[in-house]
Amino acid sequence: MAMNFFDQFMSPVYFGIPLMALALTLPWTLFPSATGRWLNSRVLTLQGWFVNRFTQQLLLPINLGGHKWAALFASLMIFLITLNMLGLLPYTFTPTTQLSLNMGLAVPLWLATVIIGMRNQPTHALGHLLPEGTPTLLIPVLIIIETISLFIRPLALGVRLTANLTAGHLLIQLIATAAFVLLPLMPTVAILTATLLFLLTLLEVAVAMIQAYVFVLLLSLYLQENV
């Protein structure tokens, strides 16, 4: 039984063909596309308002040089929210529970912010490794600590997203299994457990959106340090 709880996190395979690419591609078909009409539909208007508000809030503290990342951050935010939300549906697979996928998103974007900082302002970028006013004896130790913390950033991005979604899915499955087992034995307790399951599902919907926002927000903070 313990092994079955983790089967939902296995990459789906059909006739020996991995379906990870299909799981990553299909969410884009759910978004409405722009039309040639003078007035947009309500869905397109709501989508445009959300993207504009999110981009404005995210890029407000960043100077004009970092505004080139607006389209990338908005697309990544919508993409992660869609993957996280679709994974809460029955008989679906959540690609963002795979650490390899999250690291594949985190490492190149983090590395791009570091390269931009090294290219545009190398003195300022390297200055983060040694705070001003550091005692001479602590300089080697602080440089090592700050360098390690710099390289841990993409790992923290990927692990945070993976751990939060994995824990939520496991908890939902555990409570759902408990409610199913208790239903013929103690119906009252089973109903209370099902109510708890419903509230937990609502919480997981919020977690799915918040974790996508946190992922993009931390990337914007890394970009802010280097532009």
Protein backbone atom coordinates (compact mmCIF):
# COMPACT_ATOMS: atom_id res chain seq x y z
CA MET A 1 0.00 0.00 0.00
CA ALA A 2 2.85 2.36 0.82
CA MET A 3 4.26 1.97 -2.68
CA ASN A 4 0.90 2.67 -4.31
CA PHE A 5 0.79 6.16 -2.81
CA PHE A 6 3.81 7.14 -4.90
CA ASP A 7 2.60 5.59 -8.15
CA GLN A 8 0.81 8.84 -9.00
CA PHE A 9 4.17 10.61 -9.29
CA MET A 10 5.54 8.20 -11.91
CA SER A 11 5.88 9.61 -15.40
CA PRO A 12 3.03 8.16 -17.49
CA VAL A 13 3.99 5.75 -20.27
CA TYR A 14 1.68 4.47 -23.02
CA PHE A 15 2.89 1.62 -25.25
CA GLY A 16 6.40 2.37 -24.06
CA ILE A 17 6.15 6.04 -25.10
CA PRO A 18 6.65 8.65 -22.32
CA LEU A 19 3.72 11.05 -22.16
CA MET A 20 5.59 13.83 -20.34
CA ALA A 21 5.82 15.93 -23.52
CA LEU A 22 2.07 15.55 -24.07
CA ALA A 23 1.36 16.56 -20.47
CA LEU A 24 3.48 19.70 -20.96
CA THR A 25 1.97 20.62 -24.34
CA LEU A 26 -1.75 20.09 -23.83
CA PRO A 27 -2.28 22.87 -21.22
CA TRP A 28 -1.46 25.52 -23.83
CA THR A 29 -4.49 24.43 -25.87
CA LEU A 30 -6.80 25.45 -23.00
CA PHE A 31 -6.00 29.15 -23.28
CA PRO A 32 -8.16 31.30 -25.56
CA SER A 33 -6.38 32.77 -28.56
CA ALA A 34 -6.78 36.33 -29.82
CA THR A 35 -9.31 36.99 -32.57
CA GLY A 36 -9.68 39.65 -35.24
CA ARG A 37 -12.78 41.16 -33.65
CA TRP A 38 -12.84 44.70 -32.31
CA LEU A 39 -13.97 43.55 -28.87
CA ASN A 40 -12.48 40.61 -27.00
CA SER A 41 -14.53 38.00 -25.18
CA ARG A 42 -14.90 38.04 -21.41
CA VAL A 43 -12.36 35.25 -21.03
CA LEU A 44 -9.77 37.08 -23.13
CA THR A 45 -10.42 40.31 -21.25
CA LEU A 46 -10.01 38.58 -17.89
CA GLN A 47 -6.84 36.85 -19.06
CA GLY A 48 -5.36 40.12 -20.31
CA TRP A 49 -6.24 41.93 -17.09
CA PHE A 50 -4.63 39.19 -14.99
CA VAL A 51 -1.43 39.16 -17.06
CA ASN A 52 -1.16 42.97 -16.97
CA ARG A 53 -1.70 43.20 -13.21
CA PHE A 54 0.72 40.37 -12.51
CA THR A 55 3.43 41.80 -14.76
CA GLN A 56 3.02 45.28 -13.32
CA GLN A 57 3.25 44.00 -9.75
CA LEU A 58 6.21 41.74 -10.48
CA LEU A 59 8.34 44.22 -12.44
CA LEU A 60 7.56 47.30 -10.35
CA PRO A 61 10.84 47.21 -8.32
CA ILE A 62 12.97 46.25 -11.34
CA ASN A 63 14.55 48.89 -13.57
CA LEU A 64 13.81 49.17 -17.28
CA GLY A 65 16.58 46.76 -18.25
CA GLY A 66 14.75 43.89 -16.57
CA HIS A 67 11.41 44.61 -18.23
CA LYS A 68 12.54 42.53 -21.22
CA TRP A 69 11.74 39.49 -19.07
CA ALA A 70 8.05 40.44 -18.71
CA ALA A 71 6.77 38.07 -21.40
CA LEU A 72 8.90 35.20 -20.09
CA PHE A 73 7.78 35.65 -16.48
CA ALA A 74 4.09 35.99 -17.41
CA SER A 75 4.21 32.90 -19.64
CA LEU A 76 6.03 30.89 -17.00
CA MET A 77 3.54 31.94 -14.33
CA ILE A 78 0.51 30.93 -16.41
CA PHE A 79 2.22 27.69 -17.46
CA LEU A 80 3.02 26.63 -13.89
CA ILE A 81 -0.43 27.56 -12.58
CA THR A 82 -2.06 25.52 -15.33
CA LEU A 83 0.11 22.46 -14.70
CA ASN A 84 -0.43 22.64 -10.95
CA MET A 85 -4.19 23.10 -11.24
CA LEU A 86 -4.71 20.35 -13.84
CA GLY A 87 -2.80 17.97 -11.57
CA LEU A 88 -5.58 18.26 -8.98
CA LEU A 89 -8.11 16.68 -11.34
CA PRO A 90 -8.77 12.91 -11.01
CA TYR A 91 -6.74 10.55 -13.19
CA THR A 92 -4.29 13.24 -14.21
CA PHE A 93 -0.54 13.62 -13.91
CA THR A 94 1.24 16.63 -12.42
CA PRO A 95 4.54 17.24 -14.27
CA THR A 96 5.67 19.77 -11.64
CA THR A 97 5.96 16.99 -9.04
CA GLN A 98 9.04 15.84 -10.98
CA LEU A 99 12.23 17.39 -9.60
CA SER A 100 13.95 16.97 -12.96
CA LEU A 101 11.40 19.21 -14.69
CA ASN A 102 11.52 21.88 -11.98
CA MET A 103 15.30 21.90 -12.01
CA GLY A 104 15.19 22.13 -15.80
CA LEU A 105 13.17 25.32 -15.43
CA ALA A 106 15.07 26.76 -12.45
CA VAL A 107 18.71 26.22 -13.43
CA PRO A 108 18.72 27.90 -16.89
CA LEU A 109 16.69 30.90 -15.71
CA TRP A 110 18.83 31.37 -12.58
CA LEU A 111 22.00 30.98 -14.66
CA ALA A 112 20.72 33.58 -17.12
CA THR A 113 20.28 36.13 -14.31
CA VAL A 114 23.81 35.42 -13.05
CA ILE A 115 25.32 35.75 -16.53
CA ILE A 116 23.50 39.04 -17.08
CA GLY A 117 24.90 40.37 -13.81
CA MET A 118 28.44 39.24 -14.63
CA ARG A 119 28.26 40.79 -18.09
CA ASN A 120 26.63 44.13 -17.28
CA GLN A 121 28.01 44.92 -13.83
CA PRO A 122 30.62 42.36 -12.72
CA THR A 123 31.85 44.45 -9.78
CA HIS A 124 28.36 44.79 -8.32
CA ALA A 125 27.56 41.11 -8.97
CA LEU A 126 30.73 39.92 -7.25
CA GLY A 127 30.15 42.43 -4.45
CA HIS A 128 27.24 40.30 -3.22
CA LEU A 129 29.75 37.65 -2.20
CA LEU A 130 31.36 39.96 0.37
CA PRO A 131 29.24 42.38 2.45
CA GLU A 132 30.73 45.80 3.13
CA GLY A 133 32.54 46.20 6.44
CA THR A 134 33.38 42.51 6.88
CA PRO A 135 36.29 41.83 9.29
CA THR A 136 39.44 40.65 7.57
CA LEU A 137 39.48 37.27 9.31
CA LEU A 138 35.95 36.48 8.17
CA ILE A 139 36.47 37.37 4.50
CA PRO A 140 37.42 33.83 3.26
CA VAL A 141 34.64 32.20 5.27
CA LEU A 142 31.97 34.65 4.08
CA ILE A 143 33.03 34.32 0.45
CA ILE A 144 32.65 30.53 0.68
CA ILE A 145 29.26 30.80 2.43
CA GLU A 146 27.87 33.34 -0.04
CA THR A 147 29.12 31.31 -3.00
CA ILE A 148 27.40 28.19 -1.66
CA SER A 149 24.19 30.13 -1.04
CA LEU A 150 24.35 31.46 -4.61
CA PHE A 151 24.59 27.98 -6.13
CA ILE A 152 21.90 26.61 -3.82
CA ARG A 153 19.29 29.03 -5.21
CA PRO A 154 18.20 26.94 -8.23
CA LEU A 155 18.10 23.82 -6.06
CA ALA A 156 15.87 25.62 -3.56
CA LEU A 157 13.57 26.77 -6.38
CA GLY A 158 13.11 23.26 -7.75
CA VAL A 159 12.86 21.45 -4.42
CA ARG A 160 10.36 23.97 -2.98
CA LEU A 161 7.94 23.52 -5.86
CA THR A 162 8.36 19.74 -5.94
CA ALA A 163 8.04 19.24 -2.17
CA ASN A 164 4.95 21.40 -1.73
CA LEU A 165 3.01 19.78 -4.56
CA THR A 166 4.12 16.26 -3.67
CA ALA A 167 3.16 16.68 -0.01
CA GLY A 168 -0.26 18.06 -0.94
CA HIS A 169 -1.02 15.21 -3.35
CA LEU A 170 0.08 12.60 -0.82
CA LEU A 171 -2.07 14.15 1.90
CA ILE A 172 -5.11 14.26 -0.39
CA GLN A 173 -4.65 10.59 -1.31
CA LEU A 174 -4.17 9.54 2.33
CA ILE A 175 -7.31 11.33 3.50
CA ALA A 176 -9.33 10.07 0.52
CA THR A 177 -8.23 6.50 1.28
CA ALA A 178 -9.17 6.93 4.94
CA ALA A 179 -12.62 8.25 4.03
CA PHE A 180 -13.20 5.33 1.64
CA VAL A 181 -12.16 2.76 4.27
CA LEU A 182 -14.18 4.35 7.08
CA LEU A 183 -17.39 4.75 5.06
CA PRO A 184 -18.83 1.23 5.73
CA LEU A 185 -17.47 1.12 9.29
CA MET A 186 -18.12 4.62 10.70
CA PRO A 187 -20.20 6.71 8.30
CA THR A 188 -20.20 9.79 10.54
CA VAL A 189 -16.41 9.84 10.78
CA ALA A 190 -16.20 9.19 7.05
CA ILE A 191 -18.40 12.22 6.32
CA LEU A 192 -16.23 14.39 8.56
CA THR A 193 -13.14 13.04 6.79
CA ALA A 194 -14.69 13.82 3.40
CA THR A 195 -15.40 17.37 4.58
CA LEU A 196 -11.76 17.69 5.62
CA LEU A 197 -10.78 16.35 2.20
CA PHE A 198 -12.87 19.04 0.48
CA LEU A 199 -11.27 21.80 2.56
CA LEU A 200 -7.82 20.36 1.88
CA THR A 201 -8.55 20.36 -1.85
CA LEU A 202 -9.43 24.06 -1.69
CA LEU A 203 -6.18 24.65 0.17
CA GLU A 204 -4.26 22.76 -2.50
CA VAL A 205 -5.81 24.96 -5.19
CA ALA A 206 -4.43 27.97 -3.34
CA VAL A 207 -1.06 26.25 -2.89
CA ALA A 208 -0.90 25.46 -6.62
CA MET A 209 -1.29 29.16 -7.47
CA ILE A 210 0.92 30.45 -4.65
CA GLN A 211 3.82 28.12 -5.46
CA ALA A 212 3.78 29.17 -9.12
CA TYR A 213 3.80 32.81 -8.04
CA VAL A 214 6.63 32.23 -5.54
CA PHE A 215 8.72 30.47 -8.20
CA VAL A 216 8.45 33.41 -10.60
CA LEU A 217 8.76 36.00 -7.81
CA LEU A 218 12.08 34.56 -6.61
CA LEU A 219 13.39 34.56 -10.17
CA SER A 220 12.44 38.23 -10.46
CA LEU A 221 14.30 38.96 -7.22
CA TYR A 222 17.40 37.22 -8.58
CA LEU A 223 17.05 39.30 -11.74
CA GLN A 224 16.67 42.48 -9.68
CA GLU A 225 20.06 41.86 -8.07
CA ASN A 226 21.80 41.61 -11.44
CA VAL A 227 20.27 44.39 -13.58
